[in-house]
Amino acid sequence: ETAPNRILFIIITLLIHPVDCNTLYRVFSRVGSVRKVVLQNKSVQLQGFVEMEDVMQAAEAKAQFNNKHIYASSCKMAIAFAKL
């Protein structure tokens, strides 16, 4: 596992509902200040990065949202610290 930092790498699967940068901004804003969100569509999944204000907020977001769904039974997030 990569050392904790303020940037999270996210893979979203089970894309039954649409997800965009604003969706992730709203989700991750629940645990802190989001500096930047970037998403890229990879056919059956989305990949992206969420940059939090600091490492503590990123760690809290990872702890709360890793392997969780954005919507009921859809849009599952796998979260890891980004490799810098």
C-alpha atoms as a PDB file:
ATOM      1  CA  GLU A   1       0.000   0.000   0.000  1.00  0.00           C
ATOM      2  CA  THR A   2       1.152   3.511  -0.861  1.00  0.00           C
ATOM      3  CA  ALA A   3       1.996   5.874   2.014  1.00  0.00           C
ATOM      4  CA  PRO A   4      -0.862   8.158   3.088  1.00  0.00           C
ATOM      5  CA  ASN A   5      -1.069  11.479   1.267  1.00  0.00           C
ATOM      6  CA  ARG A   6      -3.829  13.954   0.473  1.00  0.00           C
ATOM      7  CA  ILE A   7      -4.609  12.539  -2.997  1.00  0.00           C
ATOM      8  CA  LEU A   8      -6.908   9.530  -3.321  1.00  0.00           C
ATOM      9  CA  PHE A   9      -7.115   7.240  -6.359  1.00  0.00           C
ATOM     10  CA  ILE A  10     -10.668   6.052  -6.909  1.00  0.00           C
ATOM     11  CA  ILE A  11     -12.169   3.343  -9.103  1.00  0.00           C
ATOM     12  CA  ILE A  12     -15.953   3.338  -9.407  1.00  0.00           C
ATOM     13  CA  THR A  13     -17.747   0.225 -10.637  1.00  0.00           C
ATOM     14  CA  LEU A  14     -21.404  -0.829 -10.901  1.00  0.00           C
ATOM     15  CA  LEU A  15     -22.204   2.339 -12.842  1.00  0.00           C
ATOM     16  CA  ILE A  16     -25.990   2.072 -12.780  1.00  0.00           C
ATOM     17  CA  HIS A  17     -26.421   5.784 -11.985  1.00  0.00           C
ATOM     18  CA  PRO A  18     -24.400   8.622 -13.547  1.00  0.00           C
ATOM     19  CA  VAL A  19     -21.401   9.903 -11.576  1.00  0.00           C
ATOM     20  CA  ASP A  20     -19.453  13.061 -12.368  1.00  0.00           C
ATOM     21  CA  CYS A  21     -16.930  15.327 -10.626  1.00  0.00           C
ATOM     22  CA  ASN A  22     -19.713  17.188  -8.797  1.00  0.00           C
ATOM     23  CA  THR A  23     -21.037  13.900  -7.386  1.00  0.00           C
ATOM     24  CA  LEU A  24     -17.634  13.003  -5.944  1.00  0.00           C
ATOM     25  CA  TYR A  25     -17.145  16.561  -4.682  1.00  0.00           C
ATOM     26  CA  ARG A  26     -20.407  16.321  -2.708  1.00  0.00           C
ATOM     27  CA  VAL A  27     -19.548  12.885  -1.287  1.00  0.00           C
ATOM     28  CA  PHE A  28     -16.007  13.742  -0.193  1.00  0.00           C
ATOM     29  CA  SER A  29     -16.971  17.179   1.137  1.00  0.00           C
ATOM     30  CA  ARG A  30     -18.733  15.335   3.976  1.00  0.00           C
ATOM     31  CA  VAL A  31     -15.333  14.635   5.577  1.00  0.00           C
ATOM     32  CA  GLY A  32     -13.341  17.743   4.675  1.00  0.00           C
ATOM     33  CA  SER A  33     -12.296  20.320   2.131  1.00  0.00           C
ATOM     34  CA  VAL A  34     -11.955  19.014  -1.437  1.00  0.00           C
ATOM     35  CA  ARG A  35      -9.301  20.801  -3.480  1.00  0.00           C
ATOM     36  CA  LYS A  36      -9.722  19.009  -6.822  1.00  0.00           C
ATOM     37  CA  VAL A  37     -11.601  16.157  -8.512  1.00  0.00           C
ATOM     38  CA  VAL A  38     -10.604  14.521 -11.804  1.00  0.00           C
ATOM     39  CA  LEU A  39     -12.506  11.658 -13.484  1.00  0.00           C
ATOM     40  CA  GLN A  40     -11.824   9.535 -16.556  1.00  0.00           C
ATOM     41  CA  ASN A  41     -14.237   7.048 -18.116  1.00  0.00           C
ATOM     42  CA  LYS A  42     -12.668   3.600 -18.636  1.00  0.00           C
ATOM     43  CA  SER A  43     -15.518   1.743 -20.439  1.00  0.00           C
ATOM     44  CA  VAL A  44     -17.144  -0.264 -17.597  1.00  0.00           C
ATOM     45  CA  GLN A  45     -15.703   1.827 -14.760  1.00  0.00           C
ATOM     46  CA  LEU A  46     -14.652   5.341 -13.816  1.00  0.00           C
ATOM     47  CA  GLN A  47     -11.185   6.158 -12.524  1.00  0.00           C
ATOM     48  CA  GLY A  48     -10.204   9.378 -10.901  1.00  0.00           C
ATOM     49  CA  PHE A  49      -8.469  11.342  -8.216  1.00  0.00           C
ATOM     50  CA  VAL A  50      -9.799  13.382  -5.322  1.00  0.00           C
ATOM     51  CA  GLU A  51      -7.391  15.802  -3.684  1.00  0.00           C
ATOM     52  CA  MET A  52      -8.282  16.676  -0.109  1.00  0.00           C
ATOM     53  CA  GLU A  53      -6.955  19.640   1.901  1.00  0.00           C
ATOM     54  CA  ASP A  54      -4.638  17.464   4.011  1.00  0.00           C
ATOM     55  CA  VAL A  55      -3.579  13.891   4.769  1.00  0.00           C
ATOM     56  CA  MET A  56      -5.893  13.529   7.776  1.00  0.00           C
ATOM     57  CA  GLN A  57      -8.967  14.378   5.708  1.00  0.00           C
ATOM     58  CA  ALA A  58      -7.863  12.002   2.949  1.00  0.00           C
ATOM     59  CA  ALA A  59      -7.337   9.199   5.469  1.00  0.00           C
ATOM     60  CA  GLU A  60     -10.784   9.819   6.969  1.00  0.00           C
ATOM     61  CA  ALA A  61     -12.402   9.811   3.505  1.00  0.00           C
ATOM     62  CA  LYS A  62     -10.652   6.551   2.623  1.00  0.00           C
ATOM     63  CA  ALA A  63     -11.753   4.976   5.908  1.00  0.00           C
ATOM     64  CA  GLN A  64     -15.371   6.061   5.471  1.00  0.00           C
ATOM     65  CA  PHE A  65     -15.916   5.498   1.745  1.00  0.00           C
ATOM     66  CA  ASN A  66     -13.630   2.637   0.602  1.00  0.00           C
ATOM     67  CA  ASN A  67     -15.757  -0.236  -0.765  1.00  0.00           C
ATOM     68  CA  LYS A  68     -18.937   1.778  -0.200  1.00  0.00           C
ATOM     69  CA  HIS A  69     -21.650   2.643  -2.734  1.00  0.00           C
ATOM     70  CA  ILE A  70     -22.497   6.220  -3.709  1.00  0.00           C
ATOM     71  CA  TYR A  71     -26.097   5.160  -4.379  1.00  0.00           C
ATOM     72  CA  ALA A  72     -27.949   2.149  -2.954  1.00  0.00           C
ATOM     73  CA  SER A  73     -26.363  -0.936  -4.545  1.00  0.00           C
ATOM     74  CA  SER A  74     -24.637   1.022  -7.306  1.00  0.00           C
ATOM     75  CA  CYS A  75     -21.512   3.042  -7.995  1.00  0.00           C
ATOM     76  CA  LYS A  76     -19.118   1.209  -5.662  1.00  0.00           C
ATOM     77  CA  MET A  77     -15.913   3.073  -4.807  1.00  0.00           C
ATOM     78  CA  ALA A  78     -12.545   1.378  -4.340  1.00  0.00           C
ATOM     79  CA  ILE A  79     -10.162   3.919  -2.802  1.00  0.00           C
ATOM     80  CA  ALA A  80      -6.390   3.933  -2.317  1.00  0.00           C
ATOM     81  CA  PHE A  81      -3.817   6.619  -1.652  1.00  0.00           C
ATOM     82  CA  ALA A  82      -2.419   7.836  -4.974  1.00  0.00           C
ATOM     83  CA  LYS A  83       1.132   7.037  -5.977  1.00  0.00           C
ATOM     84  CA  LEU A  84       2.934  10.364  -6.205  1.00  0.00           C
END
